[in-house]
Amino acid sequence: MDAVTLDCTLVELRPLVVGRYLSRPRLAGAGAVAFEVSGSRDRWLWLDAGRGTAGVYWLPRESARALAERAALPVPGRARQALLHLRKHV
């Protein structure tokens, strides 16, 4: 994903997340993290840094859960370390 596309995606997501907080970060694979967003029980914010799937996604909760469960394979230590940092600082 190039910088222009990412910028446009973030502009679209801004009204959905401004004034809300992210909670319960979950690993969704080796390069992805899913967050619950306060005030939005039916949607999750999915941040993906994978080579072929990089992006920011606003997914229905059930779809995000299903994708995260499929990706529940053992993940590298760096992903676990990143999750611990996200839980501490987000």
PDB file of N, CA and C in Angstrom:
ATOM      1  N   MET A   1       0.851  -1.161   0.000  1.00  0.00           N
ATOM      2  CA  MET A   1       0.000   0.000   0.000  1.00  0.00           C
ATOM      3  C   MET A   1       0.902   1.230   0.000  1.00  0.00           C
ATOM      4  N   ASP A   2       0.680   2.124  -0.927  1.00  0.00           N
ATOM      5  CA  ASP A   2       1.509   3.322  -0.993  1.00  0.00           C
ATOM      6  C   ASP A   2       0.987   4.391  -0.031  1.00  0.00           C
ATOM      7  N   ALA A   3       1.760   5.433   0.148  1.00  0.00           N
ATOM      8  CA  ALA A   3       1.445   6.464   1.129  1.00  0.00           C
ATOM      9  C   ALA A   3       0.152   7.207   0.804  1.00  0.00           C
ATOM     10  N   VAL A   4      -0.114   7.453  -0.462  1.00  0.00           N
ATOM     11  CA  VAL A   4      -1.330   8.174  -0.846  1.00  0.00           C
ATOM     12  C   VAL A   4      -2.571   7.348  -0.518  1.00  0.00           C
ATOM     13  N   THR A   5      -2.530   6.063  -0.827  1.00  0.00           N
ATOM     14  CA  THR A   5      -3.663   5.180  -0.531  1.00  0.00           C
ATOM     15  C   THR A   5      -3.877   5.077   0.969  1.00  0.00           C
ATOM     16  N   LEU A   6      -2.797   4.927   1.722  1.00  0.00           N
ATOM     17  CA  LEU A   6      -2.907   4.846   3.177  1.00  0.00           C
ATOM     18  C   LEU A   6      -3.484   6.132   3.746  1.00  0.00           C
ATOM     19  N   ASP A   7      -3.049   7.268   3.239  1.00  0.00           N
ATOM     20  CA  ASP A   7      -3.559   8.555   3.699  1.00  0.00           C
ATOM     21  C   ASP A   7      -5.058   8.666   3.455  1.00  0.00           C
ATOM     22  N   CYS A   8      -5.510   8.279   2.278  1.00  0.00           N
ATOM     23  CA  CYS A   8      -6.942   8.336   1.951  1.00  0.00           C
ATOM     24  C   CYS A   8      -7.752   7.376   2.829  1.00  0.00           C
ATOM     25  N   THR A   9      -7.191   6.209   3.091  1.00  0.00           N
ATOM     26  CA  THR A   9      -7.870   5.236   3.949  1.00  0.00           C
ATOM     27  C   THR A   9      -8.026   5.789   5.359  1.00  0.00           C
ATOM     28  N   LEU A  10      -6.986   6.414   5.871  1.00  0.00           N
ATOM     29  CA  LEU A  10      -7.057   6.985   7.219  1.00  0.00           C
ATOM     30  C   LEU A  10      -8.038   8.143   7.298  1.00  0.00           C
ATOM     31  N   VAL A  11      -8.135   8.933   6.238  1.00  0.00           N
ATOM     32  CA  VAL A  11      -9.103  10.033   6.198  1.00  0.00           C
ATOM     33  C   VAL A  11     -10.525   9.468   6.259  1.00  0.00           C
ATOM     34  N   GLU A  12     -10.780   8.368   5.583  1.00  0.00           N
ATOM     35  CA  GLU A  12     -12.105   7.744   5.618  1.00  0.00           C
ATOM     36  C   GLU A  12     -12.427   7.176   7.003  1.00  0.00           C
ATOM     37  N   LEU A  13     -11.415   6.635   7.683  1.00  0.00           N
ATOM     38  CA  LEU A  13     -11.629   6.037   9.000  1.00  0.00           C
ATOM     39  C   LEU A  13     -11.709   7.062  10.122  1.00  0.00           C
ATOM     40  N   ARG A  14     -11.187   8.239   9.890  1.00  0.00           N
ATOM     41  CA  ARG A  14     -11.102   9.237  10.951  1.00  0.00           C
ATOM     42  C   ARG A  14     -12.429   9.495  11.668  1.00  0.00           C
ATOM     43  N   PRO A  15     -13.531   9.751  10.977  1.00  0.00           N
ATOM     44  CA  PRO A  15     -14.782  10.017  11.698  1.00  0.00           C
ATOM     45  C   PRO A  15     -15.261   8.808  12.529  1.00  0.00           C
ATOM     46  N   LEU A  16     -14.808   7.633  12.169  1.00  0.00           N
ATOM     47  CA  LEU A  16     -15.240   6.436  12.883  1.00  0.00           C
ATOM     48  C   LEU A  16     -14.476   6.210  14.178  1.00  0.00           C
ATOM     49  N   VAL A  17     -13.277   6.771  14.284  1.00  0.00           N
ATOM     50  CA  VAL A  17     -12.453   6.491  15.466  1.00  0.00           C
ATOM     51  C   VAL A  17     -12.097   7.720  16.300  1.00  0.00           C
ATOM     52  N   VAL A  18     -12.296   8.929  15.792  1.00  0.00           N
ATOM     53  CA  VAL A  18     -11.962  10.129  16.560  1.00  0.00           C
ATOM     54  C   VAL A  18     -12.874  10.207  17.778  1.00  0.00           C
ATOM     55  N   GLY A  19     -12.276  10.433  18.934  1.00  0.00           N
ATOM     56  CA  GLY A  19     -13.033  10.534  20.175  1.00  0.00           C
ATOM     57  C   GLY A  19     -13.312   9.195  20.828  1.00  0.00           C
ATOM     58  N   ARG A  20     -12.842   8.132  20.236  1.00  0.00           N
ATOM     59  CA  ARG A  20     -13.036   6.795  20.794  1.00  0.00           C
ATOM     60  C   ARG A  20     -11.690   6.227  21.184  1.00  0.00           C
ATOM     61  N   TYR A  21     -11.707   5.168  21.940  1.00  0.00           N
ATOM     62  CA  TYR A  21     -10.439   4.548  22.309  1.00  0.00           C
ATOM     63  C   TYR A  21     -10.396   3.106  21.817  1.00  0.00           C
ATOM     64  N   LEU A  22      -9.192   2.650  21.578  1.00  0.00           N
ATOM     65  CA  LEU A  22      -8.971   1.277  21.140  1.00  0.00           C
ATOM     66  C   LEU A  22      -8.761   0.418  22.369  1.00  0.00           C
ATOM     67  N   SER A  23      -9.326  -0.771  22.357  1.00  0.00           N
ATOM     68  CA  SER A  23      -9.159  -1.664  23.496  1.00  0.00           C
ATOM     69  C   SER A  23      -8.981  -3.097  23.022  1.00  0.00           C
ATOM     70  N   ARG A  24      -8.520  -3.926  23.919  1.00  0.00           N
ATOM     71  CA  ARG A  24      -8.330  -5.355  23.700  1.00  0.00           C
ATOM     72  C   ARG A  24      -7.592  -5.693  22.411  1.00  0.00           C
ATOM     73  N   PRO A  25      -6.356  -5.268  22.295  1.00  0.00           N
ATOM     74  CA  PRO A  25      -5.609  -5.663  21.088  1.00  0.00           C
ATOM     75  C   PRO A  25      -5.421  -7.171  21.050  1.00  0.00           C
ATOM     76  N   ARG A  26      -5.585  -7.748  19.874  1.00  0.00           N
ATOM     77  CA  ARG A  26      -5.424  -9.194  19.679  1.00  0.00           C
ATOM     78  C   ARG A  26      -4.518  -9.436  18.488  1.00  0.00           C
ATOM     79  N   LEU A  27      -3.633 -10.393  18.628  1.00  0.00           N
ATOM     80  CA  LEU A  27      -2.843 -10.789  17.477  1.00  0.00           C
ATOM     81  C   LEU A  27      -3.752 -11.467  16.466  1.00  0.00           C
ATOM     82  N   ALA A  28      -3.594 -11.104  15.239  1.00  0.00           N
ATOM     83  CA  ALA A  28      -4.399 -11.688  14.175  1.00  0.00           C
ATOM     84  C   ALA A  28      -3.469 -12.243  13.107  1.00  0.00           C
ATOM     85  N   GLY A  29      -2.408 -12.868  13.555  1.00  0.00           N
ATOM     86  CA  GLY A  29      -1.398 -13.404  12.654  1.00  0.00           C
ATOM     87  C   GLY A  29      -0.054 -12.796  12.979  1.00  0.00           C
ATOM     88  N   ALA A  30       0.943 -13.141  12.185  1.00  0.00           N
ATOM     89  CA  ALA A  30       2.305 -12.667  12.459  1.00  0.00           C
ATOM     90  C   ALA A  30       2.460 -11.175  12.222  1.00  0.00           C
ATOM     91  N   GLY A  31       1.634 -10.580  11.390  1.00  0.00           N
ATOM     92  CA  GLY A  31       1.796  -9.170  11.071  1.00  0.00           C
ATOM     93  C   GLY A  31       0.547  -8.338  11.227  1.00  0.00           C
ATOM     94  N   ALA A  32      -0.428  -8.818  11.998  1.00  0.00           N
ATOM     95  CA  ALA A  32      -1.688  -8.080  12.114  1.00  0.00           C
ATOM     96  C   ALA A  32      -2.163  -8.036  13.562  1.00  0.00           C
ATOM     97  N   VAL A  33      -2.839  -6.932  13.873  1.00  0.00           N
ATOM     98  CA  VAL A  33      -3.425  -6.739  15.190  1.00  0.00           C
ATOM     99  C   VAL A  33      -4.847  -6.232  14.986  1.00  0.00           C
ATOM    100  N   ALA A  34      -5.773  -6.744  15.779  1.00  0.00           N
ATOM    101  CA  ALA A  34      -7.164  -6.302  15.722  1.00  0.00           C
ATOM    102  C   ALA A  34      -7.516  -5.635  17.051  1.00  0.00           C
ATOM    103  N   PHE A  35      -8.250  -4.522  16.979  1.00  0.00           N
ATOM    104  CA  PHE A  35      -8.673  -3.781  18.162  1.00  0.00           C
ATOM    105  C   PHE A  35     -10.185  -3.663  18.191  1.00  0.00           C
ATOM    106  N   GLU A  36     -10.743  -3.707  19.386  1.00  0.00           N
ATOM    107  CA  GLU A  36     -12.127  -3.306  19.566  1.00  0.00           C
ATOM    108  C   GLU A  36     -12.115  -1.788  19.689  1.00  0.00           C
ATOM    109  N   VAL A  37     -13.163  -1.134  19.194  1.00  0.00           N
ATOM    110  CA  VAL A  37     -13.257   0.324  19.240  1.00  0.00           C
ATOM    111  C   VAL A  37     -14.445   0.691  20.110  1.00  0.00           C
ATOM    112  N   SER A  38     -14.217   1.562  21.096  1.00  0.00           N
ATOM    113  CA  SER A  38     -15.304   1.947  21.989  1.00  0.00           C
ATOM    114  C   SER A  38     -16.436   2.580  21.185  1.00  0.00           C
ATOM    115  N   GLY A  39     -17.648   2.286  21.572  1.00  0.00           N
ATOM    116  CA  GLY A  39     -18.812   2.849  20.904  1.00  0.00           C
ATOM    117  C   GLY A  39     -19.203   2.148  19.620  1.00  0.00           C
ATOM    118  N   SER A  40     -18.464   1.127  19.228  1.00  0.00           N
ATOM    119  CA  SER A  40     -18.776   0.388  18.006  1.00  0.00           C
ATOM    120  C   SER A  40     -18.699  -1.101  18.307  1.00  0.00           C
ATOM    121  N   ARG A  41     -19.781  -1.652  18.749  1.00  0.00           N
ATOM    122  CA  ARG A  41     -19.782  -3.062  19.148  1.00  0.00           C
ATOM    123  C   ARG A  41     -19.743  -4.026  17.966  1.00  0.00           C
ATOM    124  N   ASP A  42     -20.123  -3.556  16.792  1.00  0.00           N
ATOM    125  CA  ASP A  42     -20.204  -4.474  15.658  1.00  0.00           C
ATOM    126  C   ASP A  42     -19.022  -4.373  14.691  1.00  0.00           C
ATOM    127  N   ARG A  43     -18.030  -3.518  14.985  1.00  0.00           N
ATOM    128  CA  ARG A  43     -16.882  -3.354  14.090  1.00  0.00           C
ATOM    129  C   ARG A  43     -15.576  -3.389  14.877  1.00  0.00           C
ATOM    130  N   TRP A  44     -14.517  -3.889  14.220  1.00  0.00           N
ATOM    131  CA  TRP A  44     -13.168  -3.891  14.775  1.00  0.00           C
ATOM    132  C   TRP A  44     -12.240  -3.171  13.821  1.00  0.00           C
ATOM    133  N   LEU A  45     -11.208  -2.562  14.373  1.00  0.00           N
ATOM    134  CA  LEU A  45     -10.156  -1.947  13.577  1.00  0.00           C
ATOM    135  C   LEU A  45      -9.027  -2.961  13.436  1.00  0.00           C
ATOM    136  N   TRP A  46      -8.666  -3.263  12.217  1.00  0.00           N
ATOM    137  CA  TRP A  46      -7.665  -4.290  11.912  1.00  0.00           C
ATOM    138  C   TRP A  46      -6.473  -3.602  11.268  1.00  0.00           C
ATOM    139  N   LEU A  47      -5.300  -3.699  11.890  1.00  0.00           N
ATOM    140  CA  LEU A  47      -4.073  -3.129  11.346  1.00  0.00           C
ATOM    141  C   LEU A  47      -3.193  -4.274  10.880  1.00  0.00           C
ATOM    142  N   ASP A  48      -2.841  -4.263   9.621  1.00  0.00           N
ATOM    143  CA  ASP A  48      -2.079  -5.367   9.046  1.00  0.00           C
ATOM    144  C   ASP A  48      -0.799  -4.836   8.420  1.00  0.00           C
ATOM    145  N   ALA A  49       0.318  -5.459   8.755  1.00  0.00           N
ATOM    146  CA  ALA A  49       1.613  -5.067   8.203  1.00  0.00           C
ATOM    147  C   ALA A  49       2.215  -6.175   7.357  1.00  0.00           C
ATOM    148  N   GLY A  50       1.403  -7.152   6.965  1.00  0.00           N
ATOM    149  CA  GLY A  50       1.883  -8.253   6.130  1.00  0.00           C
ATOM    150  C   GLY A  50       2.260  -7.776   4.740  1.00  0.00           C
ATOM    151  N   ARG A  51       3.147  -8.505   4.098  1.00  0.00           N
ATOM    152  CA  ARG A  51       3.612  -8.085   2.765  1.00  0.00           C
ATOM    153  C   ARG A  51       2.495  -7.967   1.747  1.00  0.00           C
ATOM    154  N   GLY A  52       1.651  -8.950   1.650  1.00  0.00           N
ATOM    155  CA  GLY A  52       0.607  -8.921   0.629  1.00  0.00           C
ATOM    156  C   GLY A  52      -0.724  -8.373   1.117  1.00  0.00           C
ATOM    157  N   THR A  53      -0.834  -8.089   2.410  1.00  0.00           N
ATOM    158  CA  THR A  53      -2.128  -7.685   2.961  1.00  0.00           C
ATOM    159  C   THR A  53      -2.068  -6.401   3.766  1.00  0.00           C
ATOM    160  N   ALA A  54      -1.007  -5.627   3.645  1.00  0.00           N
ATOM    161  CA  ALA A  54      -0.833  -4.432   4.469  1.00  0.00           C
ATOM    162  C   ALA A  54      -1.991  -3.461   4.290  1.00  0.00           C
ATOM    163  N   GLY A  55      -2.429  -2.913   5.407  1.00  0.00           N
ATOM    164  CA  GLY A  55      -3.489  -1.922   5.344  1.00  0.00           C
ATOM    165  C   GLY A  55      -4.180  -1.734   6.671  1.00  0.00           C
ATOM    166  N   VAL A  56      -5.144  -0.835   6.667  1.00  0.00           N
ATOM    167  CA  VAL A  56      -5.984  -0.553   7.815  1.00  0.00           C
ATOM    168  C   VAL A  56      -7.397  -0.896   7.391  1.00  0.00           C
ATOM    169  N   TYR A  57      -8.062  -1.750   8.167  1.00  0.00           N
ATOM    170  CA  TYR A  57      -9.376  -2.244   7.763  1.00  0.00           C
ATOM    171  C   TYR A  57     -10.385  -2.018   8.877  1.00  0.00           C
ATOM    172  N   TRP A  58     -11.613  -1.704   8.503  1.00  0.00           N
ATOM    173  CA  TRP A  58     -12.742  -1.528   9.415  1.00  0.00           C
ATOM    174  C   TRP A  58     -13.680  -2.694   9.126  1.00  0.00           C
ATOM    175  N   LEU A  59     -13.548  -3.749   9.929  1.00  0.00           N
ATOM    176  CA  LEU A  59     -14.236  -5.011   9.632  1.00  0.00           C
ATOM    177  C   LEU A  59     -15.394  -5.289  10.576  1.00  0.00           C
ATOM    178  N   PRO A  60     -16.412  -5.993  10.075  1.00  0.00           N
ATOM    179  CA  PRO A  60     -17.456  -6.480  10.989  1.00  0.00           C
ATOM    180  C   PRO A  60     -16.824  -7.407  12.033  1.00  0.00           C
ATOM    181  N   ARG A  61     -17.328  -7.340  13.239  1.00  0.00           N
ATOM    182  CA  ARG A  61     -16.738  -8.093  14.347  1.00  0.00           C
ATOM    183  C   ARG A  61     -16.649  -9.580  14.067  1.00  0.00           C
ATOM    184  N   GLU A  62     -17.698 -10.164  13.541  1.00  0.00           N
ATOM    185  CA  GLU A  62     -17.696 -11.606  13.290  1.00  0.00           C
ATOM    186  C   GLU A  62     -16.659 -11.995  12.242  1.00  0.00           C
ATOM    187  N   SER A  63     -16.518 -11.193  11.208  1.00  0.00           N
ATOM    188  CA  SER A  63     -15.508 -11.477  10.182  1.00  0.00           C
ATOM    189  C   SER A  63     -14.105 -11.370  10.768  1.00  0.00           C
ATOM    190  N   ALA A  64     -13.876 -10.341  11.574  1.00  0.00           N
ATOM    191  CA  ALA A  64     -12.556 -10.163  12.181  1.00  0.00           C
ATOM    192  C   ALA A  64     -12.237 -11.322  13.123  1.00  0.00           C
ATOM    193  N   ARG A  65     -13.209 -11.752  13.899  1.00  0.00           N
ATOM    194  CA  ARG A  65     -12.980 -12.893  14.799  1.00  0.00           C
ATOM    195  C   ARG A  65     -12.648 -14.156  14.020  1.00  0.00           C
ATOM    196  N   ALA A  66     -13.392 -14.400  12.960  1.00  0.00           N
ATOM    197  CA  ALA A  66     -13.140 -15.596  12.149  1.00  0.00           C
ATOM    198  C   ALA A  66     -11.738 -15.551  11.539  1.00  0.00           C
ATOM    199  N   LEU A  67     -11.338 -14.401  11.024  1.00  0.00           N
ATOM    200  CA  LEU A  67      -9.999 -14.266  10.450  1.00  0.00           C
ATOM    201  C   LEU A  67      -8.925 -14.419  11.521  1.00  0.00           C
ATOM    202  N   ALA A  68      -9.149 -13.856  12.694  1.00  0.00           N
ATOM    203  CA  ALA A  68      -8.163 -13.950  13.773  1.00  0.00           C
ATOM    204  C   ALA A  68      -8.030 -15.386  14.271  1.00  0.00           C
ATOM    205  N   GLU A  69      -9.137 -16.126  14.317  1.00  0.00           N
ATOM    206  CA  GLU A  69      -9.074 -17.522  14.760  1.00  0.00           C
ATOM    207  C   GLU A  69      -8.308 -18.377  13.757  1.00  0.00           C
ATOM    208  N   ARG A  70      -8.472 -18.093  12.474  1.00  0.00           N
ATOM    209  CA  ARG A  70      -7.722 -18.827  11.450  1.00  0.00           C
ATOM    210  C   ARG A  70      -6.235 -18.547  11.545  1.00  0.00           C
ATOM    211  N   ALA A  71      -5.908 -17.347  11.971  1.00  0.00           N
ATOM    212  CA  ALA A  71      -4.503 -16.947  12.052  1.00  0.00           C
ATOM    213  C   ALA A  71      -3.909 -17.238  13.430  1.00  0.00           C
ATOM    214  N   ALA A  72      -4.569 -18.039  14.237  1.00  0.00           N
ATOM    215  CA  ALA A  72      -4.119 -18.308  15.604  1.00  0.00           C
ATOM    216  C   ALA A  72      -2.970 -19.312  15.653  1.00  0.00           C
ATOM    217  N   LEU A  73      -2.287 -19.496  14.567  1.00  0.00           N
ATOM    218  CA  LEU A  73      -1.125 -20.374  14.530  1.00  0.00           C
ATOM    219  C   LEU A  73      -0.003 -19.747  15.356  1.00  0.00           C
ATOM    220  N   PRO A  74       1.010 -20.509  15.696  1.00  0.00           N
ATOM    221  CA  PRO A  74       2.121 -19.919  16.452  1.00  0.00           C
ATOM    222  C   PRO A  74       2.723 -18.728  15.705  1.00  0.00           C
ATOM    223  N   VAL A  75       2.922 -17.659  16.426  1.00  0.00           N
ATOM    224  CA  VAL A  75       3.454 -16.443  15.818  1.00  0.00           C
ATOM    225  C   VAL A  75       4.869 -16.196  16.333  1.00  0.00           C
ATOM    226  N   PRO A  76       5.683 -15.478  15.560  1.00  0.00           N
ATOM    227  CA  PRO A  76       7.051 -15.211  16.001  1.00  0.00           C
ATOM    228  C   PRO A  76       7.079 -14.375  17.276  1.00  0.00           C
ATOM    229  N   GLY A  77       8.197 -14.445  17.980  1.00  0.00           N
ATOM    230  CA  GLY A  77       8.352 -13.705  19.224  1.00  0.00           C
ATOM    231  C   GLY A  77       8.208 -12.204  19.071  1.00  0.00           C
ATOM    232  N   ARG A  78       8.614 -11.674  17.915  1.00  0.00           N
ATOM    233  CA  ARG A  78       8.477 -10.229  17.697  1.00  0.00           C
ATOM    234  C   ARG A  78       7.022  -9.795  17.718  1.00  0.00           C
ATOM    235  N   ALA A  79       6.128 -10.627  17.201  1.00  0.00           N
ATOM    236  CA  ALA A  79       4.706 -10.285  17.197  1.00  0.00           C
ATOM    237  C   ALA A  79       4.173 -10.250  18.627  1.00  0.00           C
ATOM    238  N   ARG A  80       4.578 -11.205  19.450  1.00  0.00           N
ATOM    239  CA  ARG A  80       4.153 -11.218  20.858  1.00  0.00           C
ATOM    240  C   ARG A  80       4.682  -9.983  21.587  1.00  0.00           C
ATOM    241  N   GLN A  81       5.930  -9.633  21.309  1.00  0.00           N
ATOM    242  CA  GLN A  81       6.520  -8.445  21.938  1.00  0.00           C
ATOM    243  C   GLN A  81       5.766  -7.189  21.515  1.00  0.00           C
ATOM    244  N   ALA A  82       5.423  -7.088  20.246  1.00  0.00           N
ATOM    245  CA  ALA A  82       4.654  -5.933  19.757  1.00  0.00           C
ATOM    246  C   ALA A  82       3.289  -5.874  20.433  1.00  0.00           C
ATOM    247  N   LEU A  83       2.652  -7.019  20.606  1.00  0.00           N
ATOM    248  CA  LEU A  83       1.352  -7.045  21.276  1.00  0.00           C
ATOM    249  C   LEU A  83       1.470  -6.542  22.714  1.00  0.00           C
ATOM    250  N   LEU A  84       2.508  -6.953  23.421  1.00  0.00           N
ATOM    251  CA  LEU A  84       2.707  -6.484  24.789  1.00  0.00           C
ATOM    252  C   LEU A  84       2.885  -4.962  24.831  1.00  0.00           C
ATOM    253  N   HIS A  85       3.624  -4.413  23.875  1.00  0.00           N
ATOM    254  CA  HIS A  85       3.789  -2.961  23.813  1.00  0.00           C
ATOM    255  C   HIS A  85       2.457  -2.277  23.512  1.00  0.00           C
ATOM    256  N   LEU A  86       1.680  -2.825  22.608  1.00  0.00           N
ATOM    257  CA  LEU A  86       0.375  -2.230  22.290  1.00  0.00           C
ATOM    258  C   LEU A  86      -0.550  -2.269  23.498  1.00  0.00           C
ATOM    259  N   ARG A  87      -0.554  -3.355  24.225  1.00  0.00           N
ATOM    260  CA  ARG A  87      -1.406  -3.451  25.413  1.00  0.00           C
ATOM    261  C   ARG A  87      -0.983  -2.432  26.467  1.00  0.00           C
ATOM    262  N   LYS A  88       0.290  -2.158  26.541  1.00  0.00           N
ATOM    263  CA  LYS A  88       0.778  -1.210  27.540  1.00  0.00           C
ATOM    264  C   LYS A  88       0.479   0.237  27.149  1.00  0.00           C
ATOM    265  N   HIS A  89       0.635   0.561  25.864  1.00  0.00           N
ATOM    266  CA  HIS A  89       0.577   1.950  25.448  1.00  0.00           C
ATOM    267  C   HIS A  89      -0.701   2.386  24.743  1.00  0.00           C
ATOM    268  N   VAL A  90      -1.530   1.463  24.334  1.00  0.00           N
ATOM    269  CA  VAL A  90      -2.759   1.852  23.619  1.00  0.00           C
ATOM    270  C   VAL A  90      -3.944   1.666  24.505  1.00  0.00           C
TER     271      VAL A  90
END
